[in-house]
Structure formats: structure tokens, C-alpha cells
Full PDB file with SEQRES, HELIX, SHEET, SSBOND, CRYST1, ORIGX, SCALE, CONECT and MASTER records, all heavy atoms in Angstrom:
SEQRES   1 A   34  GLY ILE GLY ILE ALA GLY ASP THR PHE ASP TYR ARG ILE          
SEQRES   2 A   34  VAL ASP ASN VAL VAL SER PRO ARG LEU GLY LYS GLY THR          
SEQRES   3 A   34  THR TYR ARG PRO GLY GLY THR ASP                              
HELIX    1 AA1 GLY A    6  ILE A   13  1                                   8    
HELIX    2 AA2 VAL A   14  VAL A   18  3                                   5    
HELIX    3 AA3 SER A   19  LEU A   22  5                                   4    
HELIX    4 AA4 PRO A   30  GLY A   32  5                                   3    
CRYST1    1.000    1.000    1.000  90.00  90.00  90.00 P 1           1          
ORIGX1      1.000000  0.000000  0.000000        0.00000                         
ORIGX2      0.000000  1.000000  0.000000        0.00000                         
ORIGX3      0.000000  0.000000  1.000000        0.00000                         
SCALE1      1.000000  0.000000  0.000000        0.00000                         
SCALE2      0.000000  1.000000  0.000000        0.00000                         
SCALE3      0.000000  0.000000  1.000000        0.00000                         
ATOM      1  N   GLY A   1     108.106  86.564  -0.627  1.00  0.00           N  
ATOM      2  CA  GLY A   1     106.832  87.208  -0.938  1.00  0.00           C  
ATOM      3  C   GLY A   1     105.709  86.579  -0.133  1.00  0.00           C  
ATOM      4  O   GLY A   1     105.835  85.475   0.396  1.00  0.00           O  
ATOM      5  N   ILE A   2     104.581  87.303  -0.060  1.00  0.00           N  
ATOM      6  CA  ILE A   2     103.427  86.814   0.689  1.00  0.00           C  
ATOM      7  C   ILE A   2     102.152  87.375   0.063  1.00  0.00           C  
ATOM      8  O   ILE A   2     102.157  88.494  -0.480  1.00  0.00           O  
ATOM      9  CB  ILE A   2     103.536  87.229   2.179  1.00  0.00           C  
ATOM     10  CG1 ILE A   2     102.474  86.525   3.020  1.00  0.00           C  
ATOM     11  CG2 ILE A   2     103.456  88.743   2.342  1.00  0.00           C  
ATOM     12  CD1 ILE A   2     102.691  86.685   4.520  1.00  0.00           C  
ATOM     13  N   GLY A   3     101.080  86.612   0.127  1.00  0.00           N  
ATOM     14  CA  GLY A   3      99.808  87.033  -0.450  1.00  0.00           C  
ATOM     15  C   GLY A   3      99.015  87.938   0.478  1.00  0.00           C  
ATOM     16  O   GLY A   3      97.833  87.699   0.736  1.00  0.00           O  
ATOM     17  N   ILE A   4      99.652  88.967   0.999  1.00  0.00           N  
ATOM     18  CA  ILE A   4      99.006  89.964   1.860  1.00  0.00           C  
ATOM     19  C   ILE A   4      99.390  91.340   1.333  1.00  0.00           C  
ATOM     20  O   ILE A   4     100.578  91.617   1.134  1.00  0.00           O  
ATOM     21  CB  ILE A   4      99.454  89.834   3.324  1.00  0.00           C  
ATOM     22  CG1 ILE A   4      98.918  88.543   3.942  1.00  0.00           C  
ATOM     23  CG2 ILE A   4      98.997  91.038   4.148  1.00  0.00           C  
ATOM     24  CD1 ILE A   4      99.409  88.307   5.356  1.00  0.00           C  
ATOM     25  N   ALA A   5      98.388  92.188   1.086  1.00  0.00           N  
ATOM     26  CA  ALA A   5      98.665  93.545   0.624  1.00  0.00           C  
ATOM     27  C   ALA A   5      97.411  94.379   0.791  1.00  0.00           C  
ATOM     28  O   ALA A   5      96.624  94.155   1.711  1.00  0.00           O  
ATOM     29  CB  ALA A   5      99.161  93.523  -0.823  1.00  0.00           C  
ATOM     30  N   GLY A   6      97.210  95.328  -0.119  1.00  0.00           N  
ATOM     31  CA  GLY A   6      96.114  96.273   0.033  1.00  0.00           C  
ATOM     32  C   GLY A   6      94.744  95.647   0.127  1.00  0.00           C  
ATOM     33  O   GLY A   6      93.899  96.090   0.911  1.00  0.00           O  
ATOM     34  N   ASP A   7      94.481  94.597  -0.675  1.00  0.00           N  
ATOM     35  CA  ASP A   7      93.167  93.958  -0.624  1.00  0.00           C  
ATOM     36  C   ASP A   7      92.899  93.340   0.746  1.00  0.00           C  
ATOM     37  O   ASP A   7      91.754  93.325   1.217  1.00  0.00           O  
ATOM     38  CB  ASP A   7      93.058  92.865  -1.697  1.00  0.00           C  
ATOM     39  CG  ASP A   7      92.929  93.447  -3.094  1.00  0.00           C  
ATOM     40  OD1 ASP A   7      92.793  94.678  -3.222  1.00  0.00           O  
ATOM     41  OD2 ASP A   7      92.971  92.664  -4.072  1.00  0.00           O  
ATOM     42  N   THR A   8      93.943  92.827   1.396  1.00  0.00           N  
ATOM     43  CA  THR A   8      93.781  92.243   2.734  1.00  0.00           C  
ATOM     44  C   THR A   8      93.393  93.318   3.741  1.00  0.00           C  
ATOM     45  O   THR A   8      92.541  93.094   4.615  1.00  0.00           O  
ATOM     46  CB  THR A   8      95.079  91.559   3.181  1.00  0.00           C  
ATOM     47  OG1 THR A   8      95.453  90.579   2.213  1.00  0.00           O  
ATOM     48  CG2 THR A   8      94.904  90.886   4.531  1.00  0.00           C  
ATOM     49  N   PHE A   9      93.993  94.495   3.618  1.00  0.00           N  
ATOM     50  CA  PHE A   9      93.656  95.588   4.534  1.00  0.00           C  
ATOM     51  C   PHE A   9      92.219  96.056   4.302  1.00  0.00           C  
ATOM     52  O   PHE A   9      91.505  96.388   5.257  1.00  0.00           O  
ATOM     53  CB  PHE A   9      94.629  96.752   4.359  1.00  0.00           C  
ATOM     54  CG  PHE A   9      96.056  96.429   4.751  1.00  0.00           C  
ATOM     55  CD1 PHE A   9      97.083  97.297   4.449  1.00  0.00           C  
ATOM     56  CD2 PHE A   9      96.372  95.250   5.411  1.00  0.00           C  
ATOM     57  CE1 PHE A   9      98.398  97.017   4.813  1.00  0.00           C  
ATOM     58  CE2 PHE A   9      97.680  94.945   5.773  1.00  0.00           C  
ATOM     59  CZ  PHE A   9      98.694  95.839   5.466  1.00  0.00           C  
ATOM     60  N   ASP A  10      91.790  96.093   3.040  1.00  0.00           N  
ATOM     61  CA  ASP A  10      90.386  96.406   2.753  1.00  0.00           C  
ATOM     62  C   ASP A  10      89.473  95.372   3.405  1.00  0.00           C  
ATOM     63  O   ASP A  10      88.416  95.718   3.968  1.00  0.00           O  
ATOM     64  CB  ASP A  10      90.139  96.411   1.239  1.00  0.00           C  
ATOM     65  CG  ASP A  10      90.806  97.579   0.532  1.00  0.00           C  
ATOM     66  OD1 ASP A  10      91.217  98.536   1.208  1.00  0.00           O  
ATOM     67  OD2 ASP A  10      90.921  97.523  -0.710  1.00  0.00           O  
ATOM     68  N   TYR A  11      89.872  94.109   3.311  1.00  0.00           N  
ATOM     69  CA  TYR A  11      89.092  93.020   3.920  1.00  0.00           C  
ATOM     70  C   TYR A  11      88.895  93.271   5.412  1.00  0.00           C  
ATOM     71  O   TYR A  11      87.799  93.066   5.943  1.00  0.00           O  
ATOM     72  CB  TYR A  11      89.830  91.696   3.694  1.00  0.00           C  
ATOM     73  CG  TYR A  11      89.328  90.538   4.530  1.00  0.00           C  
ATOM     74  CD1 TYR A  11      88.297  89.726   4.062  1.00  0.00           C  
ATOM     75  CD2 TYR A  11      89.891  90.249   5.769  1.00  0.00           C  
ATOM     76  CE1 TYR A  11      87.838  88.652   4.820  1.00  0.00           C  
ATOM     77  CE2 TYR A  11      89.442  89.192   6.539  1.00  0.00           C  
ATOM     78  CZ  TYR A  11      88.412  88.389   6.054  1.00  0.00           C  
ATOM     79  OH  TYR A  11      87.952  87.343   6.816  1.00  0.00           O  
ATOM     80  N   ARG A  12      89.932  93.719   6.102  1.00  0.00           N  
ATOM     81  CA  ARG A  12      89.824  93.952   7.550  1.00  0.00           C  
ATOM     82  C   ARG A  12      88.790  95.029   7.857  1.00  0.00           C  
ATOM     83  O   ARG A  12      88.044  94.926   8.839  1.00  0.00           O  
ATOM     84  CB  ARG A  12      91.176  94.344   8.136  1.00  0.00           C  
ATOM     85  CG  ARG A  12      92.287  93.318   7.952  1.00  0.00           C  
ATOM     86  CD  ARG A  12      91.957  91.996   8.579  1.00  0.00           C  
ATOM     87  NE  ARG A  12      93.048  91.037   8.396  1.00  0.00           N  
ATOM     88  CZ  ARG A  12      92.937  89.738   8.571  1.00  0.00           C  
ATOM     89  NH1 ARG A  12      91.769  89.213   8.942  1.00  0.00           N  
ATOM     90  NH2 ARG A  12      93.962  88.934   8.376  1.00  0.00           N  
ATOM     91  N   ILE A  13      88.727  96.066   7.034  1.00  0.00           N  
ATOM     92  CA  ILE A  13      87.745  97.127   7.268  1.00  0.00           C  
ATOM     93  C   ILE A  13      86.332  96.602   7.045  1.00  0.00           C  
ATOM     94  O   ILE A  13      85.430  96.817   7.867  1.00  0.00           O  
ATOM     95  CB  ILE A  13      88.028  98.333   6.351  1.00  0.00           C  
ATOM     96  CG1 ILE A  13      89.377  98.974   6.716  1.00  0.00           C  
ATOM     97  CG2 ILE A  13      86.906  99.367   6.461  1.00  0.00           C  
ATOM     98  CD1 ILE A  13      89.814 100.072   5.769  1.00  0.00           C  
ATOM     99  N   VAL A  14      86.124  95.892   5.923  1.00  0.00           N  
ATOM    100  CA  VAL A  14      84.794  95.347   5.644  1.00  0.00           C  
ATOM    101  C   VAL A  14      84.383  94.367   6.735  1.00  0.00           C  
ATOM    102  O   VAL A  14      83.251  94.393   7.239  1.00  0.00           O  
ATOM    103  CB  VAL A  14      84.767  94.663   4.264  1.00  0.00           C  
ATOM    104  CG1 VAL A  14      83.420  93.981   4.029  1.00  0.00           C  
ATOM    105  CG2 VAL A  14      85.041  95.670   3.156  1.00  0.00           C  
ATOM    106  N   ASP A  15      85.312  93.508   7.133  1.00  0.00           N  
ATOM    107  CA  ASP A  15      84.994  92.454   8.093  1.00  0.00           C  
ATOM    108  C   ASP A  15      84.652  93.003   9.468  1.00  0.00           C  
ATOM    109  O   ASP A  15      83.795  92.462  10.176  1.00  0.00           O  
ATOM    110  CB  ASP A  15      86.187  91.489   8.188  1.00  0.00           C  
ATOM    111  CG  ASP A  15      85.813  90.164   8.827  1.00  0.00           C  
ATOM    112  OD1 ASP A  15      84.795  89.581   8.404  1.00  0.00           O  
ATOM    113  OD2 ASP A  15      86.532  89.708   9.734  1.00  0.00           O  
ATOM    114  N   ASN A  16      85.299  94.098   9.851  1.00  0.00           N  
ATOM    115  CA  ASN A  16      85.084  94.646  11.191  1.00  0.00           C  
ATOM    116  C   ASN A  16      84.005  95.719  11.259  1.00  0.00           C  
ATOM    117  O   ASN A  16      83.417  95.925  12.328  1.00  0.00           O  
ATOM    118  CB  ASN A  16      86.397  95.227  11.732  1.00  0.00           C  
ATOM    119  CG  ASN A  16      87.366  94.158  12.204  1.00  0.00           C  
ATOM    120  OD1 ASN A  16      87.254  93.659  13.317  1.00  0.00           O  
ATOM    121  ND2 ASN A  16      88.299  93.791  11.343  1.00  0.00           N  
ATOM    122  N   VAL A  17      83.731  96.386  10.159  1.00  0.00           N  
ATOM    123  CA  VAL A  17      82.792  97.502  10.191  1.00  0.00           C  
ATOM    124  C   VAL A  17      81.504  97.206   9.429  1.00  0.00           C  
ATOM    125  O   VAL A  17      80.412  97.499   9.923  1.00  0.00           O  
ATOM    126  CB  VAL A  17      83.454  98.783   9.624  1.00  0.00           C  
ATOM    127  CG1 VAL A  17      82.473  99.951   9.655  1.00  0.00           C  
ATOM    128  CG2 VAL A  17      84.709  99.127  10.408  1.00  0.00           C  
ATOM    129  N   VAL A  18      81.610  96.617   8.249  1.00  0.00           N  
ATOM    130  CA  VAL A  18      80.436  96.416   7.398  1.00  0.00           C  
ATOM    131  C   VAL A  18      79.738  95.087   7.685  1.00  0.00           C  
ATOM    132  O   VAL A  18      78.512  95.036   7.885  1.00  0.00           O  
ATOM    133  CB  VAL A  18      80.817  96.504   5.911  1.00  0.00           C  
ATOM    134  CG1 VAL A  18      79.579  96.334   5.028  1.00  0.00           C  
ATOM    135  CG2 VAL A  18      81.499  97.830   5.608  1.00  0.00           C  
ATOM    136  N   SER A  19      80.487  94.006   7.706  1.00  0.00           N  
ATOM    137  CA  SER A  19      79.875  92.673   7.823  1.00  0.00           C  
ATOM    138  C   SER A  19      79.010  92.498   9.074  1.00  0.00           C  
ATOM    139  O   SER A  19      77.957  91.848   8.995  1.00  0.00           O  
ATOM    140  CB  SER A  19      80.969  91.593   7.769  1.00  0.00           C  
ATOM    141  OG  SER A  19      81.520  91.529   6.467  1.00  0.00           O  
ATOM    142  N   PRO A  20      79.390  93.018  10.261  1.00  0.00           N  
ATOM    143  CA  PRO A  20      78.498  92.867  11.423  1.00  0.00           C  
ATOM    144  C   PRO A  20      77.110  93.469  11.195  1.00  0.00           C  
ATOM    145  O   PRO A  20      76.131  93.004  11.775  1.00  0.00           O  
ATOM    146  CB  PRO A  20      79.249  93.604  12.541  1.00  0.00           C  
ATOM    147  CG  PRO A  20      80.686  93.483  12.150  1.00  0.00           C  
ATOM    148  CD  PRO A  20      80.689  93.615  10.660  1.00  0.00           C  
ATOM    149  N   ARG A  21      77.011  94.481  10.344  1.00  0.00           N  
ATOM    150  CA  ARG A  21      75.716  95.084  10.049  1.00  0.00           C  
ATOM    151  C   ARG A  21      74.938  94.295   8.997  1.00  0.00           C  
ATOM    152  O   ARG A  21      73.811  94.654   8.655  1.00  0.00           O  
ATOM    153  CB  ARG A  21      75.916  96.529   9.582  1.00  0.00           C  
ATOM    154  CG  ARG A  21      76.363  97.442  10.729  1.00  0.00           C  
ATOM    155  CD  ARG A  21      76.936  98.746  10.205  1.00  0.00           C  
ATOM    156  NE  ARG A  21      77.218  99.665  11.303  1.00  0.00           N  
ATOM    157  CZ  ARG A  21      78.271  99.578  12.116  1.00  0.00           C  
ATOM    158  NH1 ARG A  21      79.135  98.598  11.956  1.00  0.00           N  
ATOM    159  NH2 ARG A  21      78.445 100.455  13.086  1.00  0.00           N  
ATOM    160  N   LEU A  22      75.566  93.244   8.499  1.00  0.00           N  
ATOM    161  CA  LEU A  22      74.914  92.374   7.518  1.00  0.00           C  
ATOM    162  C   LEU A  22      74.695  90.973   8.081  1.00  0.00           C  
ATOM    163  O   LEU A  22      74.435  90.032   7.333  1.00  0.00           O  
ATOM    164  CB  LEU A  22      75.756  92.313   6.242  1.00  0.00           C  
ATOM    165  CG  LEU A  22      75.940  93.650   5.521  1.00  0.00           C  
ATOM    166  CD1 LEU A  22      76.960  93.513   4.396  1.00  0.00           C  
ATOM    167  CD2 LEU A  22      74.614  94.177   4.983  1.00  0.00           C  
ATOM    168  N   GLY A  23      74.824  90.847   9.404  1.00  0.00           N  
ATOM    169  CA  GLY A  23      74.501  89.577  10.054  1.00  0.00           C  
ATOM    170  C   GLY A  23      75.674  88.780  10.568  1.00  0.00           C  
ATOM    171  O   GLY A  23      75.477  87.745  11.222  1.00  0.00           O  
ATOM    172  N   LYS A  24      76.890  89.214  10.323  1.00  0.00           N  
ATOM    173  CA  LYS A  24      78.042  88.466  10.831  1.00  0.00           C  
ATOM    174  C   LYS A  24      78.018  88.442  12.364  1.00  0.00           C  
ATOM    175  O   LYS A  24      77.782  89.455  13.015  1.00  0.00           O  
ATOM    176  CB  LYS A  24      79.354  89.100  10.349  1.00  0.00           C  
ATOM    177  CG  LYS A  24      80.578  88.329  10.837  1.00  0.00           C  
ATOM    178  CD  LYS A  24      81.857  89.112  10.634  1.00  0.00           C  
ATOM    179  CE  LYS A  24      83.017  88.392  11.306  1.00  0.00           C  
ATOM    180  NZ  LYS A  24      84.236  89.199  11.376  1.00  0.00           N  
ATOM    181  N   GLY A  25      78.263  87.242  12.926  1.00  0.00           N  
ATOM    182  CA  GLY A  25      78.307  87.101  14.371  1.00  0.00           C  
ATOM    183  C   GLY A  25      76.956  86.933  15.028  1.00  0.00           C  
ATOM    184  O   GLY A  25      76.878  86.843  16.261  1.00  0.00           O  
ATOM    185  N   THR A  26      75.879  86.888  14.239  1.00  0.00           N  
ATOM    186  CA  THR A  26      74.547  86.688  14.799  1.00  0.00           C  
ATOM    187  C   THR A  26      74.129  85.224  14.609  1.00  0.00           C  
ATOM    188  O   THR A  26      74.909  84.395  14.156  1.00  0.00           O  
ATOM    189  CB  THR A  26      73.532  87.633  14.149  1.00  0.00           C  
ATOM    190  OG1 THR A  26      73.426  87.334  12.741  1.00  0.00           O  
ATOM    191  CG2 THR A  26      73.970  89.085  14.302  1.00  0.00           C  
ATOM    192  N   THR A  27      72.884  84.920  14.960  1.00  0.00           N  
ATOM    193  CA  THR A  27      72.416  83.530  14.920  1.00  0.00           C  
ATOM    194  C   THR A  27      71.124  83.397  14.112  1.00  0.00           C  
ATOM    195  O   THR A  27      70.458  84.386  13.800  1.00  0.00           O  
ATOM    196  CB  THR A  27      72.153  83.008  16.344  1.00  0.00           C  
ATOM    197  OG1 THR A  27      71.146  83.828  16.957  1.00  0.00           O  
ATOM    198  CG2 THR A  27      73.426  83.035  17.182  1.00  0.00           C  
ATOM    199  N   TYR A  28      70.817  82.140  13.790  1.00  0.00           N  
ATOM    200  CA  TYR A  28      69.515  81.796  13.210  1.00  0.00           C  
ATOM    201  C   TYR A  28      69.039  80.506  13.872  1.00  0.00           C  
ATOM    202  O   TYR A  28      69.807  79.840  14.578  1.00  0.00           O  
ATOM    203  CB  TYR A  28      69.597  81.687  11.687  1.00  0.00           C  
ATOM    204  CG  TYR A  28      70.317  80.474  11.137  1.00  0.00           C  
ATOM    205  CD1 TYR A  28      69.644  79.538  10.349  1.00  0.00           C  
ATOM    206  CD2 TYR A  28      71.683  80.257  11.367  1.00  0.00           C  
ATOM    207  CE1 TYR A  28      70.303  78.439   9.820  1.00  0.00           C  
ATOM    208  CE2 TYR A  28      72.342  79.176  10.842  1.00  0.00           C  
ATOM    209  CZ  TYR A  28      71.648  78.261  10.069  1.00  0.00           C  
ATOM    210  OH  TYR A  28      72.291  77.158   9.556  1.00  0.00           O  
ATOM    211  N   ARG A  29      67.730  80.129  13.672  1.00  0.00           N  
ATOM    212  CA  ARG A  29      67.148  79.009  14.438  1.00  0.00           C  
ATOM    213  C   ARG A  29      66.486  77.987  13.510  1.00  0.00           C  
ATOM    214  O   ARG A  29      65.252  77.900  13.450  1.00  0.00           O  
ATOM    215  CB  ARG A  29      66.141  79.518  15.451  1.00  0.00           C  
ATOM    216  CG  ARG A  29      66.687  80.533  16.421  1.00  0.00           C  
ATOM    217  CD  ARG A  29      65.756  80.712  17.604  1.00  0.00           C  
ATOM    218  NE  ARG A  29      65.770  79.528  18.463  1.00  0.00           N  
ATOM    219  CZ  ARG A  29      64.953  79.340  19.490  1.00  0.00           C  
ATOM    220  NH1 ARG A  29      64.018  80.243  19.772  1.00  0.00           N  
ATOM    221  NH2 ARG A  29      65.031  78.247  20.224  1.00  0.00           N  
ATOM    222  N   PRO A  30      67.262  77.184  12.828  1.00  0.00           N  
ATOM    223  CA  PRO A  30      66.650  76.101  12.055  1.00  0.00           C  
ATOM    224  C   PRO A  30      66.219  74.983  13.006  1.00  0.00           C  
ATOM    225  O   PRO A  30      67.013  74.487  13.804  1.00  0.00           O  
ATOM    226  CB  PRO A  30      67.780  75.643  11.134  1.00  0.00           C  
ATOM    227  CG  PRO A  30      69.026  75.950  11.892  1.00  0.00           C  
ATOM    228  CD  PRO A  30      68.724  77.191  12.699  1.00  0.00           C  
ATOM    229  N   GLY A  31      64.959  74.611  12.993  1.00  0.00           N  
ATOM    230  CA  GLY A  31      64.492  73.538  13.881  1.00  0.00           C  
ATOM    231  C   GLY A  31      64.484  73.919  15.339  1.00  0.00           C  
ATOM    232  O   GLY A  31      64.521  73.045  16.216  1.00  0.00           O  
ATOM    233  N   GLY A  32      64.484  75.213  15.673  1.00  0.00           N  
ATOM    234  CA  GLY A  32      64.403  75.656  17.057  1.00  0.00           C  
ATOM    235  C   GLY A  32      65.714  75.682  17.803  1.00  0.00           C  
ATOM    236  O   GLY A  32      65.748  75.936  19.007  1.00  0.00           O  
ATOM    237  N   THR A  33      66.831  75.411  17.124  1.00  0.00           N  
ATOM    238  CA  THR A  33      68.153  75.433  17.769  1.00  0.00           C  
ATOM    239  C   THR A  33      68.963  76.619  17.249  1.00  0.00           C  
ATOM    240  O   THR A  33      69.079  76.815  16.034  1.00  0.00           O  
ATOM    241  CB  THR A  33      68.926  74.130  17.472  1.00  0.00           C  
ATOM    242  OG1 THR A  33      68.163  73.017  17.924  1.00  0.00           O  
ATOM    243  CG2 THR A  33      70.284  74.148  18.167  1.00  0.00           C  
ATOM    244  N   ASP A  34      69.518  77.411  18.162  1.00  0.00           N  
ATOM    245  CA  ASP A  34      70.335  78.560  17.751  1.00  0.00           C  
ATOM    246  C   ASP A  34      71.661  78.087  17.154  1.00  0.00           C  
ATOM    247  O   ASP A  34      72.395  77.309  17.784  1.00  0.00           O  
ATOM    248  CB  ASP A  34      70.613  79.469  18.951  1.00  0.00           C  
ATOM    249  CG  ASP A  34      69.401  80.288  19.338  1.00  0.00           C  
ATOM    250  OD1 ASP A  34      68.506  80.443  18.487  1.00  0.00           O  
ATOM    251  OD2 ASP A  34      69.357  80.767  20.485  1.00  0.00           O  
TER     252      ASP A  34                                                      
MASTER        0    0    0    4    0    0    0    6  251    1    0    3          
END                                                                             
């Protein structure tokens, strides 16, 4: 058995389609450093 199933596939959709529109893969500048 393995802990991979339907929820993991849902995760892939959210991670690739939704999360980038919520800031994933972008930067911020605390103290002037990216």
C-alpha cells in the first residue's frame, strides 16, 4: 500500500493551477533582500 490516491491528484491540480495565483513561486523583500 501507499499513501497516494485521489487527494494527492487533487493536490496536483491546486498546486499547479490555483496556488501560483495566490503567490506561490513569487518573492517578497524583508529588509530589502528578495
